Every structure is written in C-alpha cells, then in structure tokens.
C-alpha cells in the first residue's frame, strides 16, 4: 500500500520554449524562475528538456495571467488547464492504475519511491 497520496486539483501546465527554438540553457531557466518568484508562483512539478521547460502550477488566474504575459515577452508559452496532479509516495502499480483509470496522463515522472502524474 502507498504511504502517502496527494491530489492537487485545478492545476495548469505551462510549456515554455524559446521563440527561436534554441536550447533552454541555464540563463533561460534562471530567468523563468525569476519570473515565477516575481509572481509568487511555485512549481508543483517541473521538467526540463533541451528545447523546452514545463511546469505544473496552481491555476490562480490573478497570478498566472500576469506570469504568462511576462513569459510571452521572451518565450512561447502553451498551457493546458483543468488538470490534476497526483503524487504517490512508496507507490505500487495497482495504486497508479486505480488513480489513472480512464484518464489521460499528460505528464508523468517516476523515481524509486515517488510517482507524480498530471492527469485530465
């Protein structure tokens, strides 16, 4: 049995790329996190790839909309709303199946002891 299960509803996934499709380097990540801090937004889940950065955040419109506006100055931003973040610590595959049955998994991260899934 899992030891801890958290479900965060009303999540939004922001997918951020550079406008010229160059790599997302350390200076980009630093700038993105500075904008998150400016708007008092924390990432509940983040994923970095060579040409993109994705972050799952609480969908609080009065914070998210200005953040997206600031990000759009330098980056291209896509968003997916009405998502739920499920975090299971000390997971078993049966528990994962229970909480994802008949749902679309938008993003998933697993470590040895924790799985996080962003689902619709």
N, C-alpha and C. Protein backbone atom coordinates (compact mmCIF):
# COMPACT_ATOMS: atom_id res chain seq x y z
N UNK A 1 0.84 -1.18 0.00
CA UNK A 1 0.00 0.00 0.00
C UNK A 1 0.89 1.24 0.00
N UNK A 2 0.41 2.29 -0.65
CA UNK A 2 1.19 3.52 -0.67
C UNK A 2 1.14 4.18 0.71
N UNK A 3 2.21 4.87 1.03
CA UNK A 3 2.27 5.53 2.33
C UNK A 3 1.66 6.91 2.28
N UNK A 4 1.69 7.56 1.11
CA UNK A 4 1.17 8.92 1.04
C UNK A 4 0.65 9.20 -0.35
N UNK A 5 -0.54 9.78 -0.41
CA UNK A 5 -1.17 10.14 -1.66
C UNK A 5 -1.64 11.58 -1.55
N UNK A 6 -1.24 12.41 -2.50
CA UNK A 6 -1.70 13.79 -2.56
C UNK A 6 -2.36 14.01 -3.91
N UNK A 7 -3.47 14.71 -3.90
CA UNK A 7 -4.16 15.07 -5.13
C UNK A 7 -4.38 16.57 -5.11
N UNK A 8 -3.79 17.26 -6.09
CA UNK A 8 -3.95 18.70 -6.22
C UNK A 8 -4.76 18.98 -7.48
N UNK A 9 -5.96 19.49 -7.29
CA UNK A 9 -6.84 19.80 -8.42
C UNK A 9 -6.59 21.22 -8.90
N UNK A 10 -7.21 21.60 -9.98
CA UNK A 10 -7.12 22.94 -10.56
C UNK A 10 -5.68 23.33 -10.86
N UNK A 11 -5.00 22.45 -11.58
CA UNK A 11 -3.62 22.68 -11.97
C UNK A 11 -3.57 23.13 -13.44
N UNK A 12 -2.50 23.83 -13.78
CA UNK A 12 -2.27 24.25 -15.15
C UNK A 12 -0.83 23.87 -15.51
N UNK A 13 -0.64 23.36 -16.71
CA UNK A 13 0.69 23.01 -17.19
C UNK A 13 1.14 24.08 -18.17
N UNK A 14 2.26 24.72 -17.89
CA UNK A 14 2.85 25.68 -18.80
C UNK A 14 4.02 25.01 -19.51
N UNK A 15 4.02 25.08 -20.83
CA UNK A 15 5.13 24.56 -21.63
C UNK A 15 5.79 25.75 -22.30
N UNK A 16 7.05 25.95 -21.99
CA UNK A 16 7.77 27.16 -22.38
C UNK A 16 8.92 26.79 -23.31
N UNK A 17 8.99 27.48 -24.46
CA UNK A 17 10.10 27.30 -25.39
C UNK A 17 10.61 28.68 -25.79
N UNK A 18 11.84 28.72 -26.29
CA UNK A 18 12.35 29.98 -26.80
C UNK A 18 11.67 30.26 -28.14
N UNK A 19 11.56 31.51 -28.50
CA UNK A 19 10.88 31.87 -29.74
C UNK A 19 11.68 31.45 -30.96
N UNK A 20 13.01 31.33 -30.82
CA UNK A 20 13.84 30.93 -31.95
C UNK A 20 14.19 29.44 -31.91
N UNK A 21 13.54 28.69 -31.04
CA UNK A 21 13.73 27.24 -30.88
C UNK A 21 15.16 26.86 -30.50
N UNK A 22 15.88 27.79 -29.87
CA UNK A 22 17.21 27.46 -29.36
C UNK A 22 17.06 26.66 -28.07
N UNK A 23 18.17 26.17 -27.57
CA UNK A 23 18.14 25.38 -26.35
C UNK A 23 17.73 26.22 -25.15
N UNK A 24 17.09 25.57 -24.20
CA UNK A 24 16.77 26.20 -22.92
C UNK A 24 17.99 25.97 -22.03
N UNK A 25 18.79 27.01 -21.87
CA UNK A 25 20.02 26.91 -21.08
C UNK A 25 19.82 27.44 -19.68
N UNK A 26 20.90 27.47 -18.94
CA UNK A 26 20.85 27.91 -17.55
C UNK A 26 20.35 29.34 -17.42
N UNK A 27 20.74 30.21 -18.36
CA UNK A 27 20.28 31.60 -18.28
C UNK A 27 18.77 31.70 -18.50
N UNK A 28 18.23 30.84 -19.39
CA UNK A 28 16.78 30.82 -19.58
C UNK A 28 16.07 30.33 -18.32
N UNK A 29 16.58 29.25 -17.75
CA UNK A 29 15.96 28.69 -16.54
C UNK A 29 16.00 29.69 -15.40
N UNK A 30 17.12 30.38 -15.27
CA UNK A 30 17.24 31.39 -14.23
C UNK A 30 16.19 32.49 -14.43
N UNK A 31 16.05 32.95 -15.66
CA UNK A 31 15.08 34.00 -15.97
C UNK A 31 13.65 33.53 -15.71
N UNK A 32 13.34 32.30 -16.13
CA UNK A 32 11.99 31.75 -15.91
C UNK A 32 11.68 31.67 -14.42
N UNK A 33 12.62 31.15 -13.63
CA UNK A 33 12.39 31.04 -12.19
C UNK A 33 12.31 32.41 -11.52
N UNK A 34 13.03 33.39 -12.04
CA UNK A 34 12.90 34.76 -11.51
C UNK A 34 11.48 35.29 -11.73
N UNK A 35 10.92 34.99 -12.91
CA UNK A 35 9.54 35.43 -13.19
C UNK A 35 8.55 34.68 -12.29
N UNK A 36 8.77 33.40 -12.05
CA UNK A 36 7.92 32.66 -11.12
C UNK A 36 7.97 33.32 -9.74
N UNK A 37 9.16 33.65 -9.28
CA UNK A 37 9.32 34.28 -7.96
C UNK A 37 8.65 35.65 -7.92
N UNK A 38 8.80 36.42 -8.98
CA UNK A 38 8.19 37.75 -9.06
C UNK A 38 6.68 37.65 -8.85
N UNK A 39 6.05 36.63 -9.41
CA UNK A 39 4.60 36.47 -9.32
C UNK A 39 4.18 35.55 -8.18
N UNK A 40 5.14 35.18 -7.33
CA UNK A 40 4.89 34.33 -6.16
C UNK A 40 4.20 33.02 -6.53
N UNK A 41 4.79 32.37 -7.53
CA UNK A 41 4.27 31.10 -8.02
C UNK A 41 5.35 30.05 -7.84
N UNK A 42 4.96 28.90 -7.29
CA UNK A 42 5.91 27.79 -7.17
C UNK A 42 5.49 26.67 -8.10
N UNK A 43 6.48 25.99 -8.62
CA UNK A 43 6.22 24.85 -9.49
C UNK A 43 5.94 23.62 -8.62
N UNK A 44 4.82 22.98 -8.86
CA UNK A 44 4.48 21.74 -8.15
C UNK A 44 5.17 20.54 -8.80
N UNK A 45 5.51 20.69 -10.07
CA UNK A 45 6.22 19.67 -10.83
C UNK A 45 6.89 20.41 -11.97
N UNK A 46 8.13 20.10 -12.27
CA UNK A 46 8.79 20.74 -13.41
C UNK A 46 9.58 19.70 -14.18
N UNK A 47 9.76 20.00 -15.46
CA UNK A 47 10.51 19.10 -16.33
C UNK A 47 11.26 19.94 -17.34
N UNK A 48 12.53 19.67 -17.46
CA UNK A 48 13.37 20.42 -18.38
C UNK A 48 13.86 19.48 -19.48
N UNK A 49 13.74 19.93 -20.72
CA UNK A 49 14.29 19.20 -21.85
C UNK A 49 15.20 20.16 -22.60
N UNK A 50 15.85 19.69 -23.63
CA UNK A 50 16.82 20.52 -24.35
C UNK A 50 16.20 21.81 -24.88
N UNK A 51 14.98 21.74 -25.41
CA UNK A 51 14.39 22.93 -26.04
C UNK A 51 13.11 23.40 -25.37
N UNK A 52 12.79 22.84 -24.21
CA UNK A 52 11.57 23.28 -23.53
C UNK A 52 11.69 23.12 -22.02
N UNK A 53 10.83 23.85 -21.34
CA UNK A 53 10.69 23.75 -19.89
C UNK A 53 9.20 23.70 -19.60
N UNK A 54 8.78 22.74 -18.80
CA UNK A 54 7.38 22.62 -18.43
C UNK A 54 7.24 22.70 -16.93
N UNK A 55 6.18 23.35 -16.49
CA UNK A 55 5.92 23.47 -15.05
C UNK A 55 4.43 23.35 -14.80
N UNK A 56 4.09 22.55 -13.80
CA UNK A 56 2.72 22.42 -13.32
C UNK A 56 2.60 23.34 -12.11
N UNK A 57 1.58 24.22 -12.16
CA UNK A 57 1.38 25.19 -11.09
C UNK A 57 -0.10 25.24 -10.72
N UNK A 58 -0.38 25.79 -9.54
CA UNK A 58 -1.77 26.02 -9.15
C UNK A 58 -2.36 27.05 -10.10
N UNK A 59 -3.57 26.81 -10.58
CA UNK A 59 -4.22 27.74 -11.51
C UNK A 59 -4.94 28.83 -10.73
N UNK A 60 -4.19 29.85 -10.40
CA UNK A 60 -4.73 31.03 -9.71
C UNK A 60 -4.66 32.17 -10.73
N UNK A 61 -5.78 32.45 -11.43
CA UNK A 61 -5.74 33.37 -12.58
C UNK A 61 -5.09 34.72 -12.33
N UNK A 62 -5.31 35.32 -11.15
CA UNK A 62 -4.74 36.65 -10.92
C UNK A 62 -3.21 36.59 -10.80
N UNK A 63 -2.63 35.40 -10.62
CA UNK A 63 -1.19 35.23 -10.62
C UNK A 63 -0.69 34.68 -11.96
N UNK A 64 -1.43 33.71 -12.50
CA UNK A 64 -0.99 33.01 -13.71
C UNK A 64 -1.03 33.90 -14.94
N UNK A 65 -2.09 34.68 -15.10
CA UNK A 65 -2.22 35.51 -16.30
C UNK A 65 -1.08 36.53 -16.42
N UNK A 66 -0.71 37.27 -15.35
CA UNK A 66 0.44 38.17 -15.47
C UNK A 66 1.76 37.41 -15.71
N UNK A 67 1.91 36.22 -15.12
CA UNK A 67 3.11 35.43 -15.35
C UNK A 67 3.23 35.08 -16.83
N UNK A 68 2.13 34.59 -17.41
CA UNK A 68 2.16 34.21 -18.83
C UNK A 68 2.47 35.43 -19.69
N UNK A 69 1.90 36.58 -19.36
CA UNK A 69 2.18 37.80 -20.12
C UNK A 69 3.67 38.14 -20.05
N UNK A 70 4.28 38.04 -18.87
CA UNK A 70 5.71 38.31 -18.74
C UNK A 70 6.55 37.27 -19.50
N UNK A 71 6.16 36.02 -19.41
CA UNK A 71 6.90 34.97 -20.12
C UNK A 71 6.82 35.16 -21.64
N UNK A 72 5.64 35.60 -22.13
CA UNK A 72 5.45 35.77 -23.57
C UNK A 72 6.33 36.85 -24.19
N UNK A 73 6.90 37.72 -23.38
CA UNK A 73 7.81 38.73 -23.91
C UNK A 73 9.03 38.06 -24.55
N UNK A 74 9.53 37.01 -23.90
CA UNK A 74 10.76 36.35 -24.34
C UNK A 74 10.54 34.95 -24.90
N UNK A 75 9.47 34.28 -24.46
CA UNK A 75 9.27 32.87 -24.78
C UNK A 75 7.91 32.65 -25.44
N UNK A 76 7.76 31.46 -25.98
CA UNK A 76 6.46 30.99 -26.46
C UNK A 76 5.90 30.11 -25.34
N UNK A 77 4.66 30.36 -24.95
CA UNK A 77 4.06 29.64 -23.83
C UNK A 77 2.76 28.97 -24.28
N UNK A 78 2.66 27.68 -24.06
CA UNK A 78 1.43 26.93 -24.27
C UNK A 78 0.93 26.49 -22.90
N UNK A 79 -0.38 26.34 -22.76
CA UNK A 79 -0.92 25.93 -21.46
C UNK A 79 -2.02 24.90 -21.63
N UNK A 80 -2.13 24.05 -20.63
CA UNK A 80 -3.22 23.08 -20.50
C UNK A 80 -3.84 23.30 -19.14
N UNK A 81 -5.15 23.54 -19.11
CA UNK A 81 -5.86 23.82 -17.85
C UNK A 81 -6.70 22.63 -17.42
N UNK A 82 -7.29 22.78 -16.26
CA UNK A 82 -8.21 21.77 -15.69
C UNK A 82 -7.54 20.42 -15.50
N UNK A 83 -6.35 20.45 -14.95
CA UNK A 83 -5.60 19.22 -14.71
C UNK A 83 -5.53 18.93 -13.22
N UNK A 84 -5.16 17.71 -12.89
CA UNK A 84 -4.99 17.28 -11.51
C UNK A 84 -3.61 16.66 -11.37
N UNK A 85 -2.89 17.03 -10.33
CA UNK A 85 -1.58 16.46 -10.05
C UNK A 85 -1.73 15.43 -8.94
N UNK A 86 -1.34 14.21 -9.25
CA UNK A 86 -1.40 13.12 -8.29
C UNK A 86 0.03 12.73 -7.92
N UNK A 87 0.32 12.75 -6.64
CA UNK A 87 1.64 12.36 -6.14
C UNK A 87 1.46 11.16 -5.22
N UNK A 88 2.17 10.08 -5.52
CA UNK A 88 2.09 8.87 -4.70
C UNK A 88 3.50 8.52 -4.24
N UNK A 89 3.68 8.47 -2.93
CA UNK A 89 4.96 8.08 -2.36
C UNK A 89 4.90 6.60 -1.99
N UNK A 90 6.00 5.90 -2.22
CA UNK A 90 6.07 4.45 -1.99
C UNK A 90 4.95 3.74 -2.75
N UNK A 91 4.89 4.03 -4.03
CA UNK A 91 3.79 3.57 -4.88
C UNK A 91 3.89 2.09 -5.23
N UNK A 92 2.74 1.57 -5.61
CA UNK A 92 2.61 0.25 -6.21
C UNK A 92 1.83 0.46 -7.50
N UNK A 93 2.09 -0.38 -8.50
CA UNK A 93 1.46 -0.20 -9.80
C UNK A 93 -0.06 -0.30 -9.74
N UNK A 94 -0.59 -1.08 -8.82
CA UNK A 94 -2.04 -1.19 -8.68
C UNK A 94 -2.65 0.15 -8.24
N UNK A 95 -1.94 0.87 -7.40
CA UNK A 95 -2.43 2.17 -6.93
C UNK A 95 -2.39 3.18 -8.09
N UNK A 96 -1.33 3.14 -8.88
CA UNK A 96 -1.24 4.03 -10.05
C UNK A 96 -2.41 3.77 -10.98
N UNK A 97 -2.67 2.51 -11.26
CA UNK A 97 -3.79 2.15 -12.16
C UNK A 97 -5.12 2.63 -11.60
N UNK A 98 -5.31 2.51 -10.31
CA UNK A 98 -6.56 2.93 -9.67
C UNK A 98 -6.84 4.42 -9.92
N UNK A 99 -5.80 5.26 -9.79
CA UNK A 99 -5.99 6.70 -9.89
C UNK A 99 -5.88 7.24 -11.31
N UNK A 100 -5.46 6.40 -12.26
CA UNK A 100 -5.34 6.88 -13.64
C UNK A 100 -6.31 6.19 -14.59
N UNK A 101 -7.09 5.26 -14.10
CA UNK A 101 -8.02 4.53 -14.96
C UNK A 101 -8.98 5.51 -15.64
N UNK A 102 -9.12 5.36 -16.96
CA UNK A 102 -10.00 6.20 -17.79
C UNK A 102 -9.62 7.68 -17.76
N UNK A 103 -8.35 7.98 -17.54
CA UNK A 103 -7.88 9.37 -17.52
C UNK A 103 -6.69 9.48 -18.46
N UNK A 104 -6.51 10.66 -19.01
CA UNK A 104 -5.35 10.91 -19.86
C UNK A 104 -4.20 11.38 -18.98
N UNK A 105 -3.06 10.72 -19.10
CA UNK A 105 -1.86 11.15 -18.39
C UNK A 105 -1.13 12.12 -19.31
N UNK A 106 -1.05 13.38 -18.88
CA UNK A 106 -0.42 14.43 -19.66
C UNK A 106 1.09 14.43 -19.45
N UNK A 107 1.52 14.18 -18.21
CA UNK A 107 2.93 14.19 -17.85
C UNK A 107 3.11 13.26 -16.67
N UNK A 108 4.21 12.51 -16.67
CA UNK A 108 4.47 11.58 -15.57
C UNK A 108 5.96 11.57 -15.26
N UNK A 109 6.28 11.56 -13.97
CA UNK A 109 7.66 11.43 -13.51
C UNK A 109 7.70 10.38 -12.42
N UNK A 110 8.67 9.47 -12.53
CA UNK A 110 8.84 8.43 -11.52
C UNK A 110 10.26 8.43 -11.02
N UNK A 111 10.39 8.20 -9.72
CA UNK A 111 11.68 7.90 -9.12
C UNK A 111 11.52 6.55 -8.42
N UNK A 112 12.51 6.17 -7.67
CA UNK A 112 12.41 4.87 -6.98
C UNK A 112 11.24 4.80 -6.02
N UNK A 113 10.91 5.93 -5.41
CA UNK A 113 9.91 5.90 -4.34
C UNK A 113 8.67 6.75 -4.61
N UNK A 114 8.75 7.65 -5.59
CA UNK A 114 7.63 8.59 -5.81
C UNK A 114 7.27 8.64 -7.27
N UNK A 115 5.98 8.73 -7.52
CA UNK A 115 5.49 8.97 -8.88
C UNK A 115 4.59 10.19 -8.83
N UNK A 116 4.74 11.07 -9.82
CA UNK A 116 3.85 12.22 -9.97
C UNK A 116 3.25 12.14 -11.36
N UNK A 117 1.94 12.32 -11.43
CA UNK A 117 1.22 12.25 -12.69
C UNK A 117 0.30 13.44 -12.83
N UNK A 118 0.35 14.08 -13.96
CA UNK A 118 -0.55 15.17 -14.26
C UNK A 118 -1.60 14.60 -15.19
N UNK A 119 -2.86 14.59 -14.74
CA UNK A 119 -3.92 13.91 -15.48
C UNK A 119 -5.08 14.85 -15.79
N UNK A 120 -5.79 14.48 -16.82
CA UNK A 120 -7.03 15.17 -17.21
C UNK A 120 -8.17 14.22 -16.98
